[in-house]
PDB file of N, CA and C in Angstrom:
ATOM      1  N   UNK A   1      -0.059   6.227 -25.370  1.00  0.00           N
ATOM      2  CA  UNK A   1       0.818   6.624 -24.287  1.00  0.00           C
ATOM      3  C   UNK A   1       1.116   5.428 -23.431  1.00  0.00           C
ATOM      4  N   UNK A   2       2.358   5.283 -23.023  1.00  0.00           N
ATOM      5  CA  UNK A   2       2.785   4.238 -22.123  1.00  0.00           C
ATOM      6  C   UNK A   2       2.903   4.757 -20.716  1.00  0.00           C
ATOM      7  N   UNK A   3       2.732   3.879 -19.769  1.00  0.00           N
ATOM      8  CA  UNK A   3       2.763   4.271 -18.355  1.00  0.00           C
ATOM      9  C   UNK A   3       3.606   3.234 -17.620  1.00  0.00           C
ATOM     10  N   UNK A   4       4.589   3.706 -16.852  1.00  0.00           N
ATOM     11  CA  UNK A   4       5.368   2.801 -15.977  1.00  0.00           C
ATOM     12  C   UNK A   4       5.025   3.207 -14.553  1.00  0.00           C
ATOM     13  N   UNK A   5       4.939   2.209 -13.700  1.00  0.00           N
ATOM     14  CA  UNK A   5       4.552   2.412 -12.307  1.00  0.00           C
ATOM     15  C   UNK A   5       5.703   2.119 -11.409  1.00  0.00           C
ATOM     16  N   UNK A   6       6.067   3.051 -10.491  1.00  0.00           N
ATOM     17  CA  UNK A   6       7.129   2.748  -9.548  1.00  0.00           C
ATOM     18  C   UNK A   6       6.649   1.814  -8.422  1.00  0.00           C
ATOM     19  N   UNK A   7       7.359   0.730  -8.232  1.00  0.00           N
ATOM     20  CA  UNK A   7       6.997  -0.278  -7.206  1.00  0.00           C
ATOM     21  C   UNK A   7       8.248  -0.711  -6.449  1.00  0.00           C
ATOM     22  N   UNK A   8       8.078  -1.108  -5.194  1.00  0.00           N
ATOM     23  CA  UNK A   8       9.227  -1.544  -4.372  1.00  0.00           C
ATOM     24  C   UNK A   8       9.501  -3.034  -4.604  1.00  0.00           C
ATOM     25  N   UNK A   9      10.777  -3.315  -4.862  1.00  0.00           N
ATOM     26  CA  UNK A   9      11.233  -4.699  -5.050  1.00  0.00           C
ATOM     27  C   UNK A   9      11.442  -5.356  -3.706  1.00  0.00           C
ATOM     28  N   UNK A  10      10.696  -6.453  -3.463  1.00  0.00           N
ATOM     29  CA  UNK A  10      10.720  -7.084  -2.153  1.00  0.00           C
ATOM     30  C   UNK A  10      11.392  -8.447  -2.167  1.00  0.00           C
ATOM     31  N   UNK A  11      11.628  -8.982  -3.381  1.00  0.00           N
ATOM     32  CA  UNK A  11      12.225 -10.319  -3.462  1.00  0.00           C
ATOM     33  C   UNK A  11      12.874 -10.477  -4.844  1.00  0.00           C
ATOM     34  N   UNK A  12      13.959 -11.202  -4.903  1.00  0.00           N
ATOM     35  CA  UNK A  12      14.642 -11.476  -6.167  1.00  0.00           C
ATOM     36  C   UNK A  12      14.930 -12.972  -6.236  1.00  0.00           C
ATOM     37  N   UNK A  13      14.663 -13.563  -7.436  1.00  0.00           N
ATOM     38  CA  UNK A  13      14.888 -14.998  -7.607  1.00  0.00           C
ATOM     39  C   UNK A  13      16.403 -15.308  -7.526  1.00  0.00           C
ATOM     40  N   UNK A  14      16.741 -16.534  -7.346  1.00  0.00           N
ATOM     41  CA  UNK A  14      18.148 -16.953  -7.204  1.00  0.00           C
ATOM     42  C   UNK A  14      18.956 -16.644  -8.457  1.00  0.00           C
ATOM     43  N   UNK A  15      18.342 -16.729  -9.615  1.00  0.00           N
ATOM     44  CA  UNK A  15      19.045 -16.437 -10.854  1.00  0.00           C
ATOM     45  C   UNK A  15      18.968 -14.945 -11.261  1.00  0.00           C
ATOM     46  N   UNK A  16      18.272 -14.165 -10.460  1.00  0.00           N
ATOM     47  CA  UNK A  16      18.150 -12.710 -10.622  1.00  0.00           C
ATOM     48  C   UNK A  16      17.382 -12.309 -11.886  1.00  0.00           C
ATOM     49  N   UNK A  17      16.664 -13.239 -12.470  1.00  0.00           N
ATOM     50  CA  UNK A  17      15.897 -12.904 -13.691  1.00  0.00           C
ATOM     51  C   UNK A  17      14.492 -12.364 -13.384  1.00  0.00           C
ATOM     52  N   UNK A  18      14.010 -12.672 -12.169  1.00  0.00           N
ATOM     53  CA  UNK A  18      12.668 -12.236 -11.766  1.00  0.00           C
ATOM     54  C   UNK A  18      12.706 -11.671 -10.362  1.00  0.00           C
ATOM     55  N   UNK A  19      11.705 -10.818 -10.092  1.00  0.00           N
ATOM     56  CA  UNK A  19      11.587 -10.246  -8.773  1.00  0.00           C
ATOM     57  C   UNK A  19      10.103 -10.154  -8.417  1.00  0.00           C
ATOM     58  N   UNK A  20       9.864  -9.846  -7.194  1.00  0.00           N
ATOM     59  CA  UNK A  20       8.500  -9.605  -6.700  1.00  0.00           C
ATOM     60  C   UNK A  20       8.450  -8.180  -6.218  1.00  0.00           C
ATOM     61  N   UNK A  21       7.422  -7.461  -6.656  1.00  0.00           N
ATOM     62  CA  UNK A  21       7.201  -6.082  -6.232  1.00  0.00           C
ATOM     63  C   UNK A  21       5.927  -6.002  -5.398  1.00  0.00           C
ATOM     64  N   UNK A  22       5.909  -5.032  -4.487  1.00  0.00           N
ATOM     65  CA  UNK A  22       4.735  -4.808  -3.645  1.00  0.00           C
ATOM     66  C   UNK A  22       3.863  -3.729  -4.270  1.00  0.00           C
ATOM     67  N   UNK A  23       2.554  -4.034  -4.273  1.00  0.00           N
ATOM     68  CA  UNK A  23       1.531  -3.065  -4.710  1.00  0.00           C
ATOM     69  C   UNK A  23       0.487  -3.023  -3.613  1.00  0.00           C
ATOM     70  N   UNK A  24       0.718  -2.155  -2.624  1.00  0.00           N
ATOM     71  CA  UNK A  24      -0.170  -2.151  -1.481  1.00  0.00           C
ATOM     72  C   UNK A  24      -0.047  -3.466  -0.762  1.00  0.00           C
ATOM     73  N   UNK A  25      -1.219  -4.136  -0.591  1.00  0.00           N
ATOM     74  CA  UNK A  25      -1.213  -5.438   0.087  1.00  0.00           C
ATOM     75  C   UNK A  25      -0.985  -6.620  -0.895  1.00  0.00           C
ATOM     76  N   UNK A  26      -0.848  -6.266  -2.191  1.00  0.00           N
ATOM     77  CA  UNK A  26      -0.636  -7.314  -3.191  1.00  0.00           C
ATOM     78  C   UNK A  26       0.795  -7.362  -3.670  1.00  0.00           C
ATOM     79  N   UNK A  27       1.146  -8.443  -4.356  1.00  0.00           N
ATOM     80  CA  UNK A  27       2.487  -8.565  -4.945  1.00  0.00           C
ATOM     81  C   UNK A  27       2.316  -9.036  -6.374  1.00  0.00           C
ATOM     82  N   UNK A  28       3.418  -8.848  -7.162  1.00  0.00           N
ATOM     83  CA  UNK A  28       3.400  -9.249  -8.541  1.00  0.00           C
ATOM     84  C   UNK A  28       4.833  -9.623  -8.929  1.00  0.00           C
ATOM     85  N   UNK A  29       4.941 -10.706  -9.672  1.00  0.00           N
ATOM     86  CA  UNK A  29       6.245 -11.140 -10.189  1.00  0.00           C
ATOM     87  C   UNK A  29       6.567 -10.382 -11.494  1.00  0.00           C
ATOM     88  N   UNK A  30       7.764  -9.862 -11.597  1.00  0.00           N
ATOM     89  CA  UNK A  30       8.161  -9.088 -12.779  1.00  0.00           C
ATOM     90  C   UNK A  30       9.524  -9.581 -13.263  1.00  0.00           C
ATOM     91  N   UNK A  31       9.829  -9.252 -14.501  1.00  0.00           N
ATOM     92  CA  UNK A  31      11.166  -9.544 -15.062  1.00  0.00           C
ATOM     93  C   UNK A  31      12.167  -8.506 -14.646  1.00  0.00           C
ATOM     94  N   UNK A  32      13.401  -8.962 -14.446  1.00  0.00           N
ATOM     95  CA  UNK A  32      14.470  -8.032 -14.026  1.00  0.00           C
ATOM     96  C   UNK A  32      15.620  -7.968 -15.017  1.00  0.00           C
ATOM     97  N   UNK A  33      15.414  -8.541 -16.219  1.00  0.00           N
ATOM     98  CA  UNK A  33      16.529  -8.620 -17.182  1.00  0.00           C
ATOM     99  C   UNK A  33      17.129  -7.247 -17.557  1.00  0.00           C
ATOM    100  N   UNK A  34      16.285  -6.191 -17.532  1.00  0.00           N
ATOM    101  CA  UNK A  34      16.763  -4.873 -17.955  1.00  0.00           C
ATOM    102  C   UNK A  34      17.437  -4.073 -16.826  1.00  0.00           C
ATOM    103  N   UNK A  35      17.328  -4.617 -15.590  1.00  0.00           N
ATOM    104  CA  UNK A  35      17.914  -3.920 -14.418  1.00  0.00           C
ATOM    105  C   UNK A  35      18.722  -4.888 -13.557  1.00  0.00           C
ATOM    106  N   UNK A  36      19.819  -5.418 -14.075  1.00  0.00           N
ATOM    107  CA  UNK A  36      20.566  -6.407 -13.320  1.00  0.00           C
ATOM    108  C   UNK A  36      21.153  -5.847 -12.017  1.00  0.00           C
ATOM    109  N   UNK A  37      21.258  -4.532 -11.907  1.00  0.00           N
ATOM    110  CA  UNK A  37      21.813  -3.864 -10.710  1.00  0.00           C
ATOM    111  C   UNK A  37      20.769  -3.763  -9.585  1.00  0.00           C
ATOM    112  N   UNK A  38      19.499  -4.059  -9.862  1.00  0.00           N
ATOM    113  CA  UNK A  38      18.428  -3.909  -8.835  1.00  0.00           C
ATOM    114  C   UNK A  38      18.661  -4.818  -7.659  1.00  0.00           C
ATOM    115  N   UNK A  39      18.310  -4.351  -6.490  1.00  0.00           N
ATOM    116  CA  UNK A  39      18.413  -5.192  -5.304  1.00  0.00           C
ATOM    117  C   UNK A  39      17.147  -5.004  -4.452  1.00  0.00           C
ATOM    118  N   UNK A  40      16.907  -5.916  -3.536  1.00  0.00           N
ATOM    119  CA  UNK A  40      15.741  -5.862  -2.667  1.00  0.00           C
ATOM    120  C   UNK A  40      15.758  -4.532  -1.944  1.00  0.00           C
ATOM    121  N   UNK A  41      14.585  -3.889  -1.912  1.00  0.00           N
ATOM    122  CA  UNK A  41      14.438  -2.584  -1.261  1.00  0.00           C
ATOM    123  C   UNK A  41      14.480  -1.420  -2.239  1.00  0.00           C
ATOM    124  N   UNK A  42      14.991  -1.652  -3.465  1.00  0.00           N
ATOM    125  CA  UNK A  42      14.973  -0.615  -4.496  1.00  0.00           C
ATOM    126  C   UNK A  42      13.564  -0.422  -5.013  1.00  0.00           C
ATOM    127  N   UNK A  43      13.338   0.812  -5.538  1.00  0.00           N
ATOM    128  CA  UNK A  43      12.102   1.059  -6.280  1.00  0.00           C
ATOM    129  C   UNK A  43      12.470   0.944  -7.772  1.00  0.00           C
ATOM    130  N   UNK A  44      11.596   0.268  -8.510  1.00  0.00           N
ATOM    131  CA  UNK A  44      11.807   0.109  -9.949  1.00  0.00           C
ATOM    132  C   UNK A  44      10.591   0.607 -10.688  1.00  0.00           C
ATOM    133  N   UNK A  45      10.824   1.098 -11.895  1.00  0.00           N
ATOM    134  CA  UNK A  45       9.711   1.457 -12.783  1.00  0.00           C
ATOM    135  C   UNK A  45       9.305   0.194 -13.515  1.00  0.00           C
ATOM    136  N   UNK A  46       7.998  -0.151 -13.433  1.00  0.00           N
ATOM    137  CA  UNK A  46       7.512  -1.398 -14.027  1.00  0.00           C
ATOM    138  C   UNK A  46       6.574  -1.048 -15.174  1.00  0.00           C
ATOM    139  N   UNK A  47       6.878  -1.641 -16.332  1.00  0.00           N
ATOM    140  CA  UNK A  47       6.033  -1.465 -17.515  1.00  0.00           C
ATOM    141  C   UNK A  47       5.891  -2.807 -18.194  1.00  0.00           C
ATOM    142  N   UNK A  48       4.684  -3.214 -18.479  1.00  0.00           N
ATOM    143  CA  UNK A  48       4.387  -4.492 -19.165  1.00  0.00           C
ATOM    144  C   UNK A  48       5.055  -5.696 -18.514  1.00  0.00           C
ATOM    145  N   UNK A  49       5.084  -5.672 -17.172  1.00  0.00           N
ATOM    146  CA  UNK A  49       5.616  -6.816 -16.429  1.00  0.00           C
ATOM    147  C   UNK A  49       7.129  -6.881 -16.344  1.00  0.00           C
ATOM    148  N   UNK A  50       7.798  -5.794 -16.735  1.00  0.00           N
ATOM    149  CA  UNK A  50       9.249  -5.735 -16.672  1.00  0.00           C
ATOM    150  C   UNK A  50       9.701  -4.490 -15.926  1.00  0.00           C
ATOM    151  N   UNK A  51      10.701  -4.658 -15.087  1.00  0.00           N
ATOM    152  CA  UNK A  51      11.328  -3.512 -14.456  1.00  0.00           C
ATOM    153  C   UNK A  51      12.220  -2.868 -15.536  1.00  0.00           C
ATOM    154  N   UNK A  52      12.064  -1.572 -15.796  1.00  0.00           N
ATOM    155  CA  UNK A  52      12.796  -0.901 -16.853  1.00  0.00           C
ATOM    156  C   UNK A  52      13.846   0.089 -16.349  1.00  0.00           C
ATOM    157  N   UNK A  53      13.749   0.415 -15.037  1.00  0.00           N
ATOM    158  CA  UNK A  53      14.705   1.353 -14.472  1.00  0.00           C
ATOM    159  C   UNK A  53      14.641   1.299 -12.963  1.00  0.00           C
ATOM    160  N   UNK A  54      15.805   1.455 -12.302  1.00  0.00           N
ATOM    161  CA  UNK A  54      15.817   1.624 -10.851  1.00  0.00           C
ATOM    162  C   UNK A  54      15.746   3.098 -10.578  1.00  0.00           C
ATOM    163  N   UNK A  55      14.866   3.498  -9.620  1.00  0.00           N
ATOM    164  CA  UNK A  55      14.733   4.927  -9.282  1.00  0.00           C
ATOM    165  C   UNK A  55      14.844   5.130  -7.754  1.00  0.00           C
ATOM    166  N   UNK A  56      15.090   6.355  -7.406  1.00  0.00           N
ATOM    167  CA  UNK A  56      15.194   6.722  -6.007  1.00  0.00           C
ATOM    168  C   UNK A  56      13.787   6.700  -5.354  1.00  0.00           C
ATOM    169  N   UNK A  57      13.774   6.436  -4.033  1.00  0.00           N
ATOM    170  CA  UNK A  57      12.499   6.365  -3.337  1.00  0.00           C
ATOM    171  C   UNK A  57      11.719   7.683  -3.409  1.00  0.00           C
ATOM    172  N   UNK A  58      12.400   8.841  -3.305  1.00  0.00           N
ATOM    173  CA  UNK A  58      11.676  10.122  -3.340  1.00  0.00           C
ATOM    174  C   UNK A  58      11.020  10.332  -4.697  1.00  0.00           C
ATOM    175  N   UNK A  59      11.689   9.899  -5.791  1.00  0.00           N
ATOM    176  CA  UNK A  59      11.098  10.012  -7.157  1.00  0.00           C
ATOM    177  C   UNK A  59       9.885   9.086  -7.259  1.00  0.00           C
ATOM    178  N   UNK A  60      10.015   7.867  -6.695  1.00  0.00           N
ATOM    179  CA  UNK A  60       8.925   6.904  -6.733  1.00  0.00           C
ATOM    180  C   UNK A  60       7.706   7.465  -6.000  1.00  0.00           C
ATOM    181  N   UNK A  61       7.922   8.046  -4.826  1.00  0.00           N
ATOM    182  CA  UNK A  61       6.796   8.574  -4.040  1.00  0.00           C
ATOM    183  C   UNK A  61       6.170   9.770  -4.745  1.00  0.00           C
ATOM    184  N   UNK A  62       6.975  10.631  -5.316  1.00  0.00           N
ATOM    185  CA  UNK A  62       6.463  11.797  -6.039  1.00  0.00           C
ATOM    186  C   UNK A  62       5.570  11.324  -7.234  1.00  0.00           C
ATOM    187  N   UNK A  63       6.053  10.334  -7.961  1.00  0.00           N
ATOM    188  CA  UNK A  63       5.274   9.824  -9.112  1.00  0.00           C
ATOM    189  C   UNK A  63       3.983   9.168  -8.638  1.00  0.00           C
ATOM    190  N   UNK A  64       4.020   8.394  -7.609  1.00  0.00           N
ATOM    191  CA  UNK A  64       2.827   7.733  -7.100  1.00  0.00           C
ATOM    192  C   UNK A  64       1.804   8.749  -6.611  1.00  0.00           C
ATOM    193  N   UNK A  65       2.285   9.802  -5.943  1.00  0.00           N
ATOM    194  CA  UNK A  65       1.403  10.859  -5.448  1.00  0.00           C
ATOM    195  C   UNK A  65       0.725  11.567  -6.641  1.00  0.00           C
ATOM    196  N   UNK A  66       1.479  11.805  -7.717  1.00  0.00           N
ATOM    197  CA  UNK A  66       0.878  12.418  -8.919  1.00  0.00           C
ATOM    198  C   UNK A  66      -0.185  11.520  -9.502  1.00  0.00           C
ATOM    199  N   UNK A  67       0.081  10.244  -9.593  1.00  0.00           N
ATOM    200  CA  UNK A  67      -0.919   9.306 -10.107  1.00  0.00           C
ATOM    201  C   UNK A  67      -2.191   9.294  -9.260  1.00  0.00           C
ATOM    202  N   UNK A  68      -2.011   9.376  -7.941  1.00  0.00           N
ATOM    203  CA  UNK A  68      -3.176   9.433  -7.026  1.00  0.00           C
ATOM    204  C   UNK A  68      -3.975  10.698  -7.263  1.00  0.00           C
ATOM    205  N   UNK A  69      -3.295  11.820  -7.458  1.00  0.00           N
ATOM    206  CA  UNK A  69      -3.994  13.075  -7.734  1.00  0.00           C
ATOM    207  C   UNK A  69      -4.775  12.967  -9.049  1.00  0.00           C
ATOM    208  N   UNK A  70      -4.165  12.466 -10.076  1.00  0.00           N
ATOM    209  CA  UNK A  70      -4.821  12.362 -11.381  1.00  0.00           C
ATOM    210  C   UNK A  70      -6.050  11.446 -11.307  1.00  0.00           C
ATOM    211  N   UNK A  71      -5.983  10.445 -10.522  1.00  0.00           N
ATOM    212  CA  UNK A  71      -7.069   9.489 -10.368  1.00  0.00           C
ATOM    213  C   UNK A  71      -8.343  10.157  -9.838  1.00  0.00           C
ATOM    214  N   UNK A  72      -8.206  11.297  -9.178  1.00  0.00           N
ATOM    215  CA  UNK A  72      -9.358  11.983  -8.577  1.00  0.00           C
ATOM    216  C   UNK A  72      -9.850  13.196  -9.440  1.00  0.00           C
ATOM    217  N   UNK A  73      -9.306  13.393 -10.589  1.00  0.00           N
ATOM    218  CA  UNK A  73      -9.730  14.508 -11.458  1.00  0.00           C
ATOM    219  C   UNK A  73     -11.069  14.107 -12.102  1.00  0.00           C
ATOM    220  N   UNK A  74     -12.110  14.891 -11.792  1.00  0.00           N
ATOM    221  CA  UNK A  74     -13.425  14.572 -12.355  1.00  0.00           C
ATOM    222  C   UNK A  74     -13.352  14.593 -13.903  1.00  0.00           C
ATOM    223  N   UNK A  75     -13.952  13.574 -14.519  1.00  0.00           N
ATOM    224  CA  UNK A  75     -14.060  13.503 -15.994  1.00  0.00           C
ATOM    225  C   UNK A  75     -12.794  13.028 -16.668  1.00  0.00           C
ATOM    226  N   UNK A  76     -11.744  12.708 -15.939  1.00  0.00           N
ATOM    227  CA  UNK A  76     -10.507  12.323 -16.565  1.00  0.00           C
ATOM    228  C   UNK A  76     -10.669  11.047 -17.397  1.00  0.00           C
ATOM    229  N   UNK A  77     -11.464  10.130 -16.900  1.00  0.00           N
ATOM    230  CA  UNK A  77     -11.635   8.836 -17.606  1.00  0.00           C
ATOM    231  C   UNK A  77     -13.061   8.679 -18.137  1.00  0.00           C
ATOM    232  N   UNK A  78     -13.695   9.813 -18.495  1.00  0.00           N
ATOM    233  CA  UNK A  78     -15.022   9.741 -19.088  1.00  0.00           C
ATOM    234  C   UNK A  78     -14.938   9.063 -20.456  1.00  0.00           C
ATOM    235  N   UNK A  79     -16.069   8.576 -20.936  1.00  0.00           N
ATOM    236  CA  UNK A  79     -16.020   7.977 -22.288  1.00  0.00           C
ATOM    237  C   UNK A  79     -15.524   8.916 -23.337  1.00  0.00           C
ATOM    238  N   UNK A  80     -15.813  10.211 -23.231  1.00  0.00           N
ATOM    239  CA  UNK A  80     -15.317  11.183 -24.186  1.00  0.00           C
ATOM    240  C   UNK A  80     -13.806  11.258 -24.163  1.00  0.00           C
ATOM    241  N   UNK A  81     -13.199  11.195 -22.972  1.00  0.00           N
ATOM    242  CA  UNK A  81     -11.757  11.261 -22.867  1.00  0.00           C
ATOM    243  C   UNK A  81     -11.140   9.991 -23.394  1.00  0.00           C
ATOM    244  N   UNK A  82     -11.720   8.849 -23.101  1.00  0.00           N
ATOM    245  CA  UNK A  82     -11.186   7.569 -23.525  1.00  0.00           C
ATOM    246  C   UNK A  82     -11.232   7.431 -25.018  1.00  0.00           C
ATOM    247  N   UNK A  83     -12.229   8.055 -25.672  1.00  0.00           N
ATOM    248  CA  UNK A  83     -12.384   7.886 -27.131  1.00  0.00           C
ATOM    249  C   UNK A  83     -11.873   9.102 -27.908  1.00  0.00           C
ATOM    250  N   UNK A  84     -11.164   9.984 -27.286  1.00  0.00           N
ATOM    251  CA  UNK A  84     -10.674  11.184 -27.940  1.00  0.00           C
ATOM    252  C   UNK A  84      -9.795  10.898 -29.142  1.00  0.00           C
ATOM    253  N   UNK A  85      -9.057   9.809 -29.151  1.00  0.00           N
ATOM    254  CA  UNK A  85      -8.148   9.527 -30.248  1.00  0.00           C
ATOM    255  C   UNK A  85      -8.680   8.487 -31.228  1.00  0.00           C
ATOM    256  N   UNK A  86      -9.947   8.126 -31.085  1.00  0.00           N
ATOM    257  CA  UNK A  86     -10.566   7.150 -32.010  1.00  0.00           C
ATOM    258  C   UNK A  86     -10.820   7.765 -33.357  1.00  0.00           C
TER     259      UNK A  86
END
């Protein structure tokens, strides 16, 4: 299963090929080749270091809230769950 994380775009390089996204107090440089329409302040879905889609802020917040809820489910990441497909 693949997972994309919604993050806020806070900076774009001069050639628009890279951007910087905020992750709490941290930042990360990502590729923007797949979303040339992205601009600073947009939320983008990031997968494998690339922005793959521009999304609305409310959708980004809803997705992040769901991820936070899942992170607190007891047993979700137990060794049995991690190895279920082995």
